[in-house]
Protein backbone atom coordinates (compact mmCIF):
# COMPACT_ATOMS: atom_id res chain seq x y z
CA UNK A 1 17.15 7.45 17.23
CA UNK A 2 16.22 11.01 16.35
CA UNK A 3 13.71 12.18 18.98
CA UNK A 4 11.31 13.78 16.47
CA UNK A 5 11.23 10.57 14.41
CA UNK A 6 10.75 8.52 17.58
CA UNK A 7 7.77 10.70 18.49
CA UNK A 8 6.27 10.31 15.02
CA UNK A 9 6.76 6.54 15.15
CA UNK A 10 5.08 6.42 18.56
CA UNK A 11 2.21 8.41 17.07
CA UNK A 12 2.06 5.82 14.30
CA UNK A 13 1.89 3.07 16.94
CA UNK A 14 -1.23 4.81 18.25
CA UNK A 15 -2.76 5.14 14.76
CA UNK A 16 -2.22 1.43 14.05
CA UNK A 17 -3.62 0.47 17.48
CA UNK A 18 -6.66 2.69 16.93
CA UNK A 19 -7.20 1.13 13.49
CA UNK A 20 -7.02 -2.34 15.04
CA UNK A 21 -9.63 -1.48 17.66
CA UNK A 22 -11.76 0.34 15.09
CA UNK A 23 -11.80 -2.72 12.82
CA UNK A 24 -12.58 -4.96 15.79
CA UNK A 25 -15.62 -2.78 16.52
CA UNK A 26 -16.60 -2.99 12.85
CA UNK A 27 -16.27 -6.79 12.97
CA UNK A 28 -18.49 -6.90 16.02
CA UNK A 29 -21.13 -4.71 14.36
CA UNK A 30 -21.10 -6.96 11.29
CA UNK A 31 -21.35 -10.07 13.48
CA UNK A 32 -24.37 -8.73 15.34
CA UNK A 33 -26.04 -7.71 12.07
CA UNK A 34 -25.65 -11.12 10.41
CA UNK A 35 -22.77 -10.30 8.06
CA UNK A 36 -20.48 -13.24 8.83
CA UNK A 37 -18.17 -12.68 5.88
CA UNK A 38 -17.80 -8.98 6.60
CA UNK A 39 -17.14 -9.72 10.26
CA UNK A 40 -14.39 -12.22 9.37
CA UNK A 41 -12.88 -9.65 7.01
CA UNK A 42 -12.72 -7.02 9.75
CA UNK A 43 -11.52 -9.48 12.41
CA UNK A 44 -8.63 -10.32 10.06
CA UNK A 45 -7.97 -6.63 9.36
CA UNK A 46 -7.99 -5.86 13.08
CA UNK A 47 -5.32 -8.49 13.64
CA UNK A 48 -3.31 -7.21 10.69
CA UNK A 49 -3.27 -3.68 12.14
CA UNK A 50 -2.19 -5.08 15.51
CA UNK A 51 0.73 -6.77 13.77
CA UNK A 52 1.60 -3.44 12.10
CA UNK A 53 1.60 -1.79 15.52
CA UNK A 54 3.83 -4.51 17.03
CA UNK A 55 6.28 -4.22 14.15
CA UNK A 56 6.63 -0.50 14.90
CA UNK A 57 7.06 -1.10 18.63
CA UNK A 58 9.87 -3.57 17.99
CA UNK A 59 11.57 -1.25 15.49
CA UNK A 60 11.51 1.72 17.88
CA UNK A 61 12.96 -0.34 20.71
CA UNK A 62 15.60 -2.04 18.54
CA UNK A 63 16.81 1.35 17.30
CA UNK A 64 17.40 2.63 20.85
CA UNK A 65 14.12 4.47 21.22
CA UNK A 66 11.35 3.93 23.73
CA UNK A 67 8.09 2.61 22.29
CA UNK A 68 5.06 3.97 24.08
CA UNK A 69 2.01 1.75 24.27
CA UNK A 70 -0.91 4.16 23.96
CA UNK A 71 -4.20 4.42 25.77
CA UNK A 72 -6.99 4.22 23.22
CA UNK A 73 -10.32 5.96 22.88
CA UNK A 74 -13.38 3.80 22.40
CA UNK A 75 -13.98 3.27 18.68
CA UNK A 76 -17.22 4.01 16.86
CA UNK A 77 -19.49 1.00 17.30
CA UNK A 78 -22.67 1.88 15.42
CA UNK A 79 -22.96 1.98 11.66
CA UNK A 80 -26.05 2.72 9.57
CA UNK A 81 -25.29 0.27 6.77
CA UNK A 82 -22.62 -1.73 4.99
CA UNK A 83 -21.89 1.36 2.91
CA UNK A 84 -21.38 3.42 6.05
CA UNK A 85 -19.07 0.71 7.41
CA UNK A 86 -16.92 0.61 4.28
CA UNK A 87 -16.87 4.40 3.88
CA UNK A 88 -15.47 4.50 7.40
CA UNK A 89 -12.96 1.78 6.46
CA UNK A 90 -11.70 3.79 3.48
CA UNK A 91 -11.53 6.99 5.52
CA UNK A 92 -9.46 5.21 8.17
CA UNK A 93 -7.00 3.85 5.60
CA UNK A 94 -6.62 7.26 3.92
CA UNK A 95 -5.91 8.84 7.33
CA UNK A 96 -3.24 6.26 8.18
CA UNK A 97 -1.65 6.76 4.76
CA UNK A 98 -1.42 10.51 5.37
CA UNK A 99 0.28 9.89 8.71
CA UNK A 100 2.77 7.44 7.20
CA UNK A 101 3.57 9.97 4.49
CA UNK A 102 4.30 12.49 7.25
CA UNK A 103 6.78 10.09 8.86
CA UNK A 104 8.46 9.51 5.49
CA UNK A 105 8.71 13.27 4.89
CA UNK A 106 10.41 13.84 8.25
CA UNK A 107 12.74 10.87 7.74
CA UNK A 108 13.99 12.51 4.56
CA UNK A 109 14.28 15.93 6.25
CA UNK A 110 16.41 14.40 9.03
CA UNK A 111 18.33 12.11 6.66
CA UNK A 112 17.15 9.10 8.66
CA UNK A 113 17.45 6.64 5.82
CA UNK A 114 17.20 3.54 8.02
CA UNK A 115 13.75 4.52 9.26
CA UNK A 116 12.81 5.70 5.77
CA UNK A 117 13.71 2.26 4.44
CA UNK A 118 11.75 0.53 7.21
CA UNK A 119 8.69 2.68 6.50
CA UNK A 120 8.62 1.73 2.81
CA UNK A 121 6.91 -1.52 3.80
CA UNK A 122 4.08 0.56 5.32
CA UNK A 123 3.83 2.68 2.16
CA UNK A 124 3.32 -0.45 0.04
CA UNK A 125 0.88 -1.89 2.55
CA UNK A 126 -1.23 1.28 2.54
CA UNK A 127 -1.41 1.36 -1.25
CA UNK A 128 -2.84 -2.15 -1.14
CA UNK A 129 -5.24 -1.46 1.74
CA UNK A 130 -6.63 1.75 0.24
CA UNK A 131 -7.16 0.04 -3.12
CA UNK A 132 -8.98 -2.82 -1.41
CA UNK A 133 -11.22 -0.44 0.55
CA UNK A 134 -12.06 1.56 -2.59
CA UNK A 135 -12.86 -1.60 -4.56
CA UNK A 136 -15.22 -2.89 -1.89
CA UNK A 137 -16.95 0.46 -1.52
CA UNK A 138 -17.36 0.64 -5.31
CA UNK A 139 -19.00 -2.80 -5.29
CA UNK A 140 -21.36 -1.75 -2.49
CA UNK A 141 -22.28 1.42 -4.38
CA UNK A 142 -23.13 -0.72 -7.41
CA UNK A 143 -25.23 -3.07 -5.25
CA UNK A 144 -27.12 -0.23 -3.59
CA UNK A 145 -29.88 -1.38 -1.23
CA UNK A 146 -30.35 -4.78 -2.89
CA UNK A 147 -30.48 -7.40 -0.09
CA UNK A 148 -29.50 -10.21 -2.45
CA UNK A 149 -26.48 -8.18 -3.47
CA UNK A 150 -25.57 -7.66 0.21
CA UNK A 151 -25.86 -11.39 0.79
CA UNK A 152 -23.54 -12.15 -2.14
CA UNK A 153 -21.10 -9.40 -1.09
CA UNK A 154 -20.97 -10.88 2.43
CA UNK A 155 -20.36 -14.35 1.01
CA UNK A 156 -17.71 -13.20 -1.45
CA UNK A 157 -15.77 -11.06 1.02
CA UNK A 158 -14.68 -14.25 2.78
CA UNK A 159 -12.06 -14.56 0.04
CA UNK A 160 -10.53 -11.26 1.16
CA UNK A 161 -10.73 -12.29 4.82
CA UNK A 162 -8.86 -15.50 4.13
CA UNK A 163 -6.23 -13.62 2.08
CA UNK A 164 -5.74 -11.17 4.99
CA UNK A 165 -5.29 -14.06 7.42
CA UNK A 166 -2.44 -15.34 5.29
CA UNK A 167 -0.68 -11.96 5.43
CA UNK A 168 -0.47 -11.74 9.20
């Protein structure tokens, strides 16, 4: 495995692990604040990101590299509102997408087509995750501060949580 690509993939392991912990903290915040549907959604997303991390670890090791399991910083645990939570969610997904694009760029520069091919799954996944985050944030912006709207959003998001569980 090309050392620079291995380093980038290990960085990506860290980004996926951080996202998993971040979403776990978001789930906990939602749980404590009475948003059961939102908490289930983020618990499922946390698990999904952990699976993404594990997939990278296995790939690195199978290709002759050395996967590094990172130490993680404590994630943000306090959010002002559902909007704040989902703005953070979208920001996190955009960040991970940028990092994946960087890996893809370097794969092409180094003519590492095997890793490039492997990373295409992540590209597709990020398109889906960013679209989902944007859609949910759009719905929350439409709802505004309406408590009934928040209740219905929390109830309806269970559909997304159950869909995410099926993906893992």
